[in-house]
Protein backbone atom coordinates (compact mmCIF):
# COMPACT_ATOMS: atom_id res chain seq x y z
CA UNK A 1 77.44 90.33 86.04
CA UNK A 2 75.64 89.68 82.76
CA UNK A 3 76.79 92.73 80.75
CA UNK A 4 80.15 91.99 79.10
CA UNK A 5 81.80 93.77 76.15
CA UNK A 6 84.86 92.31 74.37
CA UNK A 7 87.26 94.61 72.49
CA UNK A 8 88.90 92.66 69.66
CA UNK A 9 90.88 93.27 66.46
CA UNK A 10 94.30 92.95 64.89
CA UNK A 11 97.44 94.32 66.65
CA UNK A 12 98.13 98.03 67.15
CA UNK A 13 94.70 99.46 66.27
CA UNK A 14 94.27 101.10 69.71
CA UNK A 15 92.30 98.45 71.62
CA UNK A 16 94.04 99.10 74.96
CA UNK A 17 93.66 102.89 74.56
CA UNK A 18 89.94 102.34 73.91
CA UNK A 19 89.73 99.98 76.92
CA UNK A 20 91.34 102.61 79.18
CA UNK A 21 88.91 105.22 77.82
CA UNK A 22 85.89 103.04 78.69
CA UNK A 23 87.05 102.06 82.20
CA UNK A 24 88.34 105.63 82.83
CA UNK A 25 91.66 104.36 84.14
CA UNK A 26 95.06 103.58 82.63
CA UNK A 27 94.71 99.90 83.51
CA UNK A 28 96.02 98.42 80.25
CA UNK A 29 99.50 99.18 78.94
CA UNK A 30 99.50 101.35 75.80
CA UNK A 31 102.46 101.39 73.44
CA UNK A 32 103.13 101.93 69.73
CA UNK A 33 104.79 98.51 69.60
CA UNK A 34 102.30 95.91 68.37
CA UNK A 35 101.49 92.88 70.53
CA UNK A 36 101.84 94.56 73.94
CA UNK A 37 98.58 93.05 75.26
CA UNK A 38 98.62 89.26 75.48
CA UNK A 39 96.12 88.04 78.07
CA UNK A 40 92.45 88.92 78.58
CA UNK A 41 92.26 92.02 80.74
CA UNK A 42 89.09 93.06 82.61
CA UNK A 43 87.71 96.40 83.81
CA UNK A 44 84.35 97.93 84.76
CA UNK A 45 82.54 100.76 82.97
CA UNK A 46 79.23 102.62 83.05
CA UNK A 47 77.13 104.38 80.41
CA UNK A 48 73.54 105.60 80.35
CA UNK A 49 72.82 104.21 83.82
CA UNK A 50 74.01 100.70 82.88
CA UNK A 51 77.12 99.03 84.28
CA UNK A 52 79.18 96.53 82.30
CA UNK A 53 82.49 94.66 82.21
CA UNK A 54 85.00 95.36 79.45
CA UNK A 55 87.54 92.80 78.19
CA UNK A 56 90.71 94.01 76.46
CA UNK A 57 92.40 91.36 74.27
CA UNK A 58 95.65 90.87 72.40
CA UNK A 59 95.93 91.52 68.67
CA UNK A 60 94.51 88.66 66.57
CA UNK A 61 97.02 87.59 63.92
CA UNK A 62 97.85 84.49 61.86
CA UNK A 63 101.23 83.59 60.36
CA UNK A 64 103.42 86.05 62.30
CA UNK A 65 106.81 85.46 63.97
CA UNK A 66 105.31 86.10 67.43
CA UNK A 67 105.81 83.05 69.68
CA UNK A 68 102.65 84.07 71.57
CA UNK A 69 100.45 84.18 68.44
CA UNK A 70 98.50 80.95 69.01
CA UNK A 71 98.02 81.64 72.75
CA UNK A 72 96.78 85.19 72.07
CA UNK A 73 94.26 83.84 69.53
CA UNK A 74 93.02 81.38 72.18
CA UNK A 75 92.54 84.24 74.67
CA UNK A 76 90.64 86.30 72.06
CA UNK A 77 88.29 83.39 71.32
CA UNK A 78 87.60 82.90 75.05
CA UNK A 79 86.75 86.62 75.36
CA UNK A 80 84.34 86.40 72.38
CA UNK A 81 82.61 83.36 73.93
CA UNK A 82 82.23 85.20 77.25
CA UNK A 83 80.92 88.53 75.90
CA UNK A 84 77.38 89.76 75.17
CA UNK A 85 78.62 92.39 72.68
CA UNK A 86 81.74 92.42 70.47
CA UNK A 87 83.54 95.65 69.53
CA UNK A 88 85.68 94.96 66.45
CA UNK A 89 88.32 97.73 66.39
CA UNK A 90 89.93 98.74 63.09
CA UNK A 91 92.29 101.59 62.11
CA UNK A 92 91.07 104.47 59.90
CA UNK A 93 94.62 105.50 59.01
CA UNK A 94 95.70 102.04 57.82
CA UNK A 95 92.42 101.34 56.06
CA UNK A 96 91.01 97.89 55.41
CA UNK A 97 93.78 95.25 55.67
CA UNK A 98 93.94 91.53 54.93
CA UNK A 99 94.23 90.89 58.69
CA UNK A 100 90.94 92.75 59.26
CA UNK A 101 89.28 90.62 56.57
CA UNK A 102 90.66 87.40 58.07
CA UNK A 103 89.40 88.34 61.51
CA UNK A 104 85.98 89.39 60.13
CA UNK A 105 85.71 85.88 58.65
CA UNK A 106 86.35 84.44 62.15
CA UNK A 107 83.64 86.68 63.64
CA UNK A 108 81.06 85.92 60.96
CA UNK A 109 79.99 82.70 62.69
CA UNK A 110 79.26 84.55 65.96
CA UNK A 111 75.61 85.13 66.70
CA UNK A 112 76.42 88.04 69.04
CA UNK A 113 75.99 91.77 68.23
CA UNK A 114 79.15 93.05 66.53
CA UNK A 115 80.04 96.74 66.25
CA UNK A 116 82.78 97.86 63.84
CA UNK A 117 84.75 100.58 65.65
CA UNK A 118 86.93 102.66 63.29
CA UNK A 119 89.56 104.14 65.61
CA UNK A 120 91.92 107.12 65.05
CA UNK A 121 89.14 109.13 63.35
CA UNK A 122 90.18 112.36 65.08
CA UNK A 123 89.07 114.73 62.29
CA UNK A 124 86.09 114.90 59.88
CA UNK A 125 88.37 113.92 56.99
CA UNK A 126 89.58 110.79 58.80
CA UNK A 127 86.01 109.93 59.79
CA UNK A 128 85.14 109.78 56.09
CA UNK A 129 87.77 107.03 55.67
CA UNK A 130 85.73 104.79 58.00
CA UNK A 131 83.22 104.06 55.20
CA UNK A 132 85.75 101.62 53.70
CA UNK A 133 85.08 99.17 56.53
CA UNK A 134 81.56 98.45 55.31
CA UNK A 135 83.49 96.22 52.91
CA UNK A 136 84.07 93.75 55.77
CA UNK A 137 80.60 92.40 55.01
CA UNK A 138 79.53 91.76 58.59
CA UNK A 139 75.78 91.76 57.83
CA UNK A 140 73.97 95.03 58.55
CA UNK A 141 76.60 96.32 60.95
CA UNK A 142 77.16 100.06 61.05
CA UNK A 143 80.67 101.48 61.29
CA UNK A 144 81.33 103.85 64.21
CA UNK A 145 84.24 106.29 63.73
CA UNK A 146 85.87 107.15 67.08
CA UNK A 147 89.09 108.59 68.49
CA UNK A 148 89.97 106.50 71.57
CA UNK A 149 92.63 109.01 72.68
CA UNK A 150 90.16 111.92 73.01
CA UNK A 151 86.92 109.94 73.43
CA UNK A 152 85.35 111.50 70.31
CA UNK A 153 82.51 109.36 68.91
CA UNK A 154 82.43 106.88 71.83
CA UNK A 155 79.13 108.25 73.18
CA UNK A 156 77.17 107.45 70.00
CA UNK A 157 78.71 103.96 69.96
CA UNK A 158 77.89 103.24 73.62
CA UNK A 159 74.31 104.49 73.20
CA UNK A 160 73.81 101.60 70.76
CA UNK A 161 75.91 99.04 72.68
CA UNK A 162 73.90 99.32 75.92
CA UNK A 163 70.65 98.51 74.06
CA UNK A 164 71.92 94.92 73.86
CA UNK A 165 72.45 94.48 77.62
CA UNK A 166 69.99 92.13 79.36
CA UNK A 167 70.08 94.06 82.68
CA UNK A 168 71.27 97.22 84.40
CA UNK A 169 74.34 95.50 85.87
CA UNK A 170 75.99 96.08 89.26
CA UNK A 171 77.81 99.32 90.06
CA UNK A 172 80.96 97.53 91.20
CA UNK A 173 80.63 93.74 91.34
CA UNK A 174 84.04 93.49 93.06
CA UNK A 175 83.31 95.86 95.98
CA UNK A 176 84.07 94.32 99.37
CA UNK A 177 85.60 91.15 97.88
CA UNK A 178 89.03 90.04 99.27
CA UNK A 179 91.83 90.79 96.78
CA UNK A 180 94.77 88.38 96.54
CA UNK A 181 97.78 89.29 94.36
CA UNK A 182 100.32 86.81 92.96
CA UNK A 183 103.75 88.48 92.86
CA UNK A 184 107.37 87.51 92.33
CA UNK A 185 110.33 87.63 89.98
CA UNK A 186 109.88 86.69 86.31
CA UNK A 187 109.40 83.01 85.46
CA UNK A 188 108.73 81.65 88.97
CA UNK A 189 105.35 80.17 87.96
CA UNK A 190 102.83 82.93 88.78
CA UNK A 191 100.64 82.45 85.68
CA UNK A 192 100.90 78.65 85.89
CA UNK A 193 99.68 78.87 89.50
CA UNK A 194 96.64 80.95 88.49
CA UNK A 195 95.81 78.60 85.61
CA UNK A 196 96.13 75.53 87.87
CA UNK A 197 93.74 77.10 90.40
CA UNK A 198 91.15 78.03 87.82
CA UNK A 199 91.45 74.86 85.76
CA UNK A 200 91.66 76.94 82.57
CA UNK A 201 94.24 79.02 80.69
CA UNK A 202 93.46 82.42 82.16
CA UNK A 203 97.03 83.67 81.64
CA UNK A 204 99.42 82.80 78.82
CA UNK A 205 102.31 80.62 80.03
CA UNK A 206 105.66 80.14 78.25
CA UNK A 207 109.25 79.49 79.31
CA UNK A 208 110.11 83.06 78.28
CA UNK A 209 110.48 85.43 81.24
CA UNK A 210 108.17 88.46 81.07
CA UNK A 211 105.27 86.73 79.29
CA UNK A 212 102.67 88.42 81.53
CA UNK A 213 102.57 92.21 81.12
CA UNK A 214 99.26 93.52 82.44
CA UNK A 215 97.84 92.70 85.88
CA UNK A 216 95.27 89.94 85.17
CA UNK A 217 92.25 90.06 87.52
CA UNK A 218 90.06 86.97 88.00
CA UNK A 219 86.99 86.51 90.24
CA UNK A 220 87.24 83.12 91.97
CA UNK A 221 85.14 81.11 94.43
CA UNK A 222 86.63 78.66 96.90
CA UNK A 223 85.70 77.41 100.39
CA UNK A 224 82.30 79.09 99.89
CA UNK A 225 83.90 82.53 99.55
CA UNK A 226 84.35 84.86 96.59
CA UNK A 227 87.68 86.59 96.09
CA UNK A 228 89.71 88.22 93.33
CA UNK A 229 93.07 86.77 92.32
CA UNK A 230 95.44 88.96 90.29
CA UNK A 231 98.35 87.58 88.28
CA UNK A 232 101.07 90.19 87.77
CA UNK A 233 104.16 90.78 85.65
CA UNK A 234 107.46 89.57 87.11
CA UNK A 235 109.37 92.21 89.08
CA UNK A 236 113.11 92.46 88.45
CA UNK A 237 115.73 94.81 89.91
CA UNK A 238 115.27 98.36 88.65
CA UNK A 239 118.69 98.35 86.98
CA UNK A 240 117.68 95.38 84.78
CA UNK A 241 114.47 96.99 83.47
CA UNK A 242 115.45 98.44 80.08
CA UNK A 243 112.25 98.55 77.97
CA UNK A 244 109.32 100.94 78.48
CA UNK A 245 106.85 98.04 78.24
CA UNK A 246 108.55 96.17 81.09
CA UNK A 247 108.72 99.38 83.12
CA UNK A 248 104.94 99.87 82.79
CA UNK A 249 104.36 96.17 83.56
CA UNK A 250 106.31 96.53 86.81
CA UNK A 251 104.39 99.71 87.67
CA UNK A 252 101.09 97.80 87.19
CA UNK A 253 102.41 95.02 89.45
CA UNK A 254 103.34 97.49 92.19
CA UNK A 255 99.97 99.23 91.91
CA UNK A 256 98.28 95.81 92.24
CA UNK A 257 100.34 95.25 95.42
CA UNK A 258 99.01 98.53 96.84
CA UNK A 259 95.38 97.69 95.94
CA UNK A 260 95.42 94.10 97.27
CA UNK A 261 94.65 92.69 100.72
CA UNK A 262 96.94 89.63 100.66
CA UNK A 263 100.12 88.97 98.65
CA UNK A 264 101.23 85.49 97.61
CA UNK A 265 104.91 86.04 96.90
CA UNK A 266 106.17 83.14 94.78
CA UNK A 267 109.84 82.26 94.86
CA UNK A 268 111.78 79.68 92.87
CA UNK A 269 112.89 76.75 95.07
CA UNK A 270 116.00 76.28 92.90
CA UNK A 271 117.14 79.86 93.65
CA UNK A 272 115.86 80.40 97.18
CA UNK A 273 114.92 83.68 98.86
CA UNK A 274 116.87 86.39 97.04
CA UNK A 275 117.35 90.10 97.78
CA UNK A 276 114.61 91.07 95.29
CA UNK A 277 112.12 88.78 97.08
CA UNK A 278 113.03 90.34 100.44
CA UNK A 279 112.54 93.85 98.93
CA UNK A 280 109.07 92.82 97.71
CA UNK A 281 108.18 91.43 101.16
CA UNK A 282 109.39 94.68 102.80
CA UNK A 283 107.21 96.68 100.40
CA UNK A 284 104.23 94.50 101.31
CA UNK A 285 104.84 95.05 105.04
CA UNK A 286 105.24 98.81 104.49
CA UNK A 287 101.82 98.82 102.76
CA UNK A 288 100.23 96.75 105.59
CA UNK A 289 99.44 93.75 103.38
CA UNK A 290 98.89 90.16 104.46
CA UNK A 291 101.75 87.99 103.11
CA UNK A 292 102.25 84.33 102.21
CA UNK A 293 105.57 83.03 100.82
CA UNK A 294 104.99 80.24 98.31
CA UNK A 295 108.10 78.27 97.37
CA UNK A 296 107.36 76.86 93.90
CA UNK A 297 109.19 74.21 91.79
CA UNK A 298 109.66 72.03 94.88
CA UNK A 299 109.62 69.02 92.53
CA UNK A 300 112.99 70.15 91.08
CA UNK A 301 114.79 69.93 94.43
CA UNK A 302 116.70 66.82 95.49
CA UNK A 303 115.52 66.28 99.04
CA UNK A 304 115.24 64.06 102.08
CA UNK A 305 112.99 64.35 105.15
CA UNK A 306 115.11 67.22 106.56
CA UNK A 307 115.38 69.42 103.44
CA UNK A 308 112.13 71.36 103.90
CA UNK A 309 112.90 72.26 107.54
CA UNK A 310 116.46 73.27 106.63
CA UNK A 311 115.38 75.58 103.77
CA UNK A 312 112.55 77.01 105.88
CA UNK A 313 114.99 77.81 108.70
CA UNK A 314 117.35 79.58 106.26
CA UNK A 315 114.47 81.67 104.90
CA UNK A 316 113.24 82.64 108.38
CA UNK A 317 116.77 83.83 109.23
CA UNK A 318 116.74 86.07 106.12
CA UNK A 319 113.34 87.47 107.11
CA UNK A 320 114.79 88.74 110.41
CA UNK A 321 112.03 90.13 112.63
CA UNK A 322 109.33 89.11 110.15
CA UNK A 323 109.16 85.49 111.27
CA UNK A 324 105.36 85.72 111.32
CA UNK A 325 105.13 85.25 107.52
CA UNK A 326 103.93 81.69 106.69
CA UNK A 327 105.93 79.66 104.16
CA UNK A 328 104.46 76.87 102.03
CA UNK A 329 106.34 74.56 99.62
CA UNK A 330 104.52 73.75 96.36
CA UNK A 331 104.88 72.40 92.86
CA UNK A 332 102.45 73.98 90.40
CA UNK A 333 103.67 71.54 87.73
CA UNK A 334 102.75 68.55 89.93
CA UNK A 335 99.71 70.38 91.44
CA UNK A 336 101.25 69.76 94.86
CA UNK A 337 99.84 71.82 97.77
CA UNK A 338 98.47 74.58 95.47
CA UNK A 339 95.02 74.48 97.09
CA UNK A 340 96.66 74.66 100.53
CA UNK A 341 98.51 77.80 99.35
CA UNK A 342 95.29 79.61 98.43
CA UNK A 343 93.63 78.31 101.60
CA UNK A 344 96.52 79.81 103.56
CA UNK A 345 96.04 83.16 101.77
CA UNK A 346 92.33 83.14 102.72
CA UNK A 347 93.28 82.41 106.36
CA UNK A 348 95.72 85.35 106.30
CA UNK A 349 92.91 87.59 104.98
CA UNK A 350 90.72 86.44 107.90
CA UNK A 351 93.57 87.28 110.31
CA UNK A 352 93.97 90.70 108.70
CA UNK A 353 90.29 91.57 109.18
CA UNK A 354 89.96 89.94 112.63
CA UNK A 355 88.70 92.04 115.56
CA UNK A 356 89.64 90.87 119.08
CA UNK A 357 87.07 91.83 121.75
CA UNK A 358 88.48 94.37 124.21
CA UNK A 359 87.57 92.24 127.26
CA UNK A 360 89.40 89.20 125.85
CA UNK A 361 92.42 91.32 124.93
CA UNK A 362 92.72 92.69 128.47
CA UNK A 363 92.03 89.34 130.16
CA UNK A 364 94.96 87.75 128.31
CA UNK A 365 97.45 90.60 127.79
CA UNK A 366 97.38 92.29 131.22
CA UNK A 367 98.62 89.11 133.01
CA UNK A 368 101.37 88.81 130.33
CA UNK A 369 102.40 92.41 131.09
CA UNK A 370 102.29 91.77 134.86
CA UNK A 371 104.56 88.75 134.36
CA UNK A 372 107.08 90.90 132.45
CA UNK A 373 106.39 94.64 132.99
CA UNK A 374 108.05 97.39 130.91
CA UNK A 375 111.55 98.26 132.19
CA UNK A 376 111.71 101.39 134.37
CA UNK A 377 113.29 104.48 132.79
CA UNK A 378 115.42 106.76 135.00
CA UNK A 379 113.60 105.52 138.09
CA UNK A 380 110.16 106.01 136.58
CA UNK A 381 107.85 103.02 136.49
CA UNK A 382 105.61 102.47 133.44
CA UNK A 383 102.15 101.11 134.14
CA UNK A 384 100.01 99.76 131.25
CA UNK A 385 96.38 99.97 132.34
CA UNK A 386 94.22 99.10 129.37
CA UNK A 387 94.40 97.70 125.79
CA UNK A 388 92.02 97.92 122.84
CA UNK A 389 92.10 97.15 119.13
CA UNK A 390 91.42 100.26 117.03
CA UNK A 391 88.70 100.21 114.31
CA UNK A 392 91.18 100.28 111.41
CA UNK A 393 91.50 98.24 108.18
CA UNK A 394 94.69 96.60 109.50
CA UNK A 395 95.33 95.29 113.04
CA UNK A 396 96.38 98.22 115.29
CA UNK A 397 96.42 97.91 119.08
CA UNK A 398 96.38 100.86 121.48
CA UNK A 399 98.06 100.42 124.88
CA UNK A 400 97.03 103.08 127.43
CA UNK A 401 99.71 103.84 130.01
CA UNK A 402 101.10 106.59 132.25
CA UNK A 403 104.43 107.16 130.42
CA UNK A 404 104.07 106.09 126.74
CA UNK A 405 107.19 107.98 125.66
CA UNK A 406 109.47 105.65 127.68
CA UNK A 407 108.48 102.34 126.07
CA UNK A 408 111.34 101.13 123.85
CA UNK A 409 111.54 98.81 120.80
CA UNK A 410 112.55 95.58 122.60
CA UNK A 411 109.44 95.76 124.83
CA UNK A 412 107.31 96.70 121.83
CA UNK A 413 108.50 93.46 120.14
CA UNK A 414 107.68 91.50 123.30
CA UNK A 415 104.09 92.79 123.25
CA UNK A 416 103.75 92.07 119.53
CA UNK A 417 104.98 88.50 120.03
CA UNK A 418 102.50 87.94 122.90
CA UNK A 419 99.62 89.24 120.74
CA UNK A 420 100.65 86.91 117.89
CA UNK A 421 100.99 83.89 120.19
CA UNK A 422 97.61 84.41 121.85
CA UNK A 423 95.43 85.62 118.97
CA UNK A 424 96.94 84.14 115.75
CA UNK A 425 97.89 87.00 113.46
CA UNK A 426 100.02 84.80 111.17
CA UNK A 427 100.87 86.48 107.88
CA UNK A 428 99.72 89.95 108.97
CA UNK A 429 101.79 93.00 110.01
CA UNK A 430 100.42 94.43 113.26
CA UNK A 431 101.05 97.85 114.78
CA UNK A 432 101.14 98.92 118.40
CA UNK A 433 100.53 102.48 119.53
CA UNK A 434 100.85 103.92 123.04
CA UNK A 435 98.47 106.51 124.47
CA UNK A 436 98.69 108.44 127.72
CA UNK A 437 96.16 107.68 130.44
């Protein structure tokens, strides 16, 4: 998609609020605390019949105490390089600051169209204050007073912005593309994994837990297939989440889980499969998601030839009935088996969308049922006559029989295991329903 707009500026001028206004969703976290946004954050918008991508960025600052300062600046520069149009957001209430002037000096070398967006102009009097920003000296650029909270003034701005787009754009460039989410506790290596896959610093990585806050979407091509990978904020136990910002980060992560097709749940090899990981896996199963467990930091484990099998066996025991979830051992730091992990996630997506022909299903499953028929109930014999896969987004199989109400859980598990053995549904929750015939 050729039409890309980058929203840039110093901290706490309302960039994320403006981003949410343009994409018409609360995708970016908004808070009065400065420095909430750190990574580049993407969304899609439309105006005047043209579609475009919008990039939200962290606040550009020099000489602060923020340990993320240099990394945020790097992300801002990458967004500017990627964009067709730059929206430089300033704050009418604060007026022209030294930070605005410093950032204007950085932008001056850019050959791209720059619009000065004076935010928080929610009254005629405040709009008048916007004139001060002509002092930034960015060539012939006009200043556009807006109020991101209400949307006031954004129409006039967008009318001018879309004149610089080379094409009409696609309505939703991500429609129909497999969505893979990277989830896990804080500091297990989620952002490092994404960066290693992409070969660039898409997400900021530090040793500090909770570095990633927003859900970071990236379009990626591998094995001849496009898909979207989303890095998410680390999910801790509810009782440990004290700050509003972390609460919203976790909410974004859980919403990403619901919107994704396949989850790569990363766990720390030095800590093993903990209760919080199991809760996350259960949530994925409840939402009918494909699941891969990726054990990261394998390089930190002292091991022999039996260690991997031993740890895998312990994990499978903790998973209980969910033994169908594949487990892969990786080291993002050493770039060990990371491509196999994403390849496994793609295979799980294929399993999730697989349709088994009805004739093949009956040819294989009916002999399995004949070999071990459903137990009789109070002298009544249950006869399964026919099986078909329903046309649903997730694998659901309908078994037609004379007495569906008498089939119990143990036999249901037997049928599920036979389906998995014969048709390879690794990594995917499957459902069985019984219908009277």
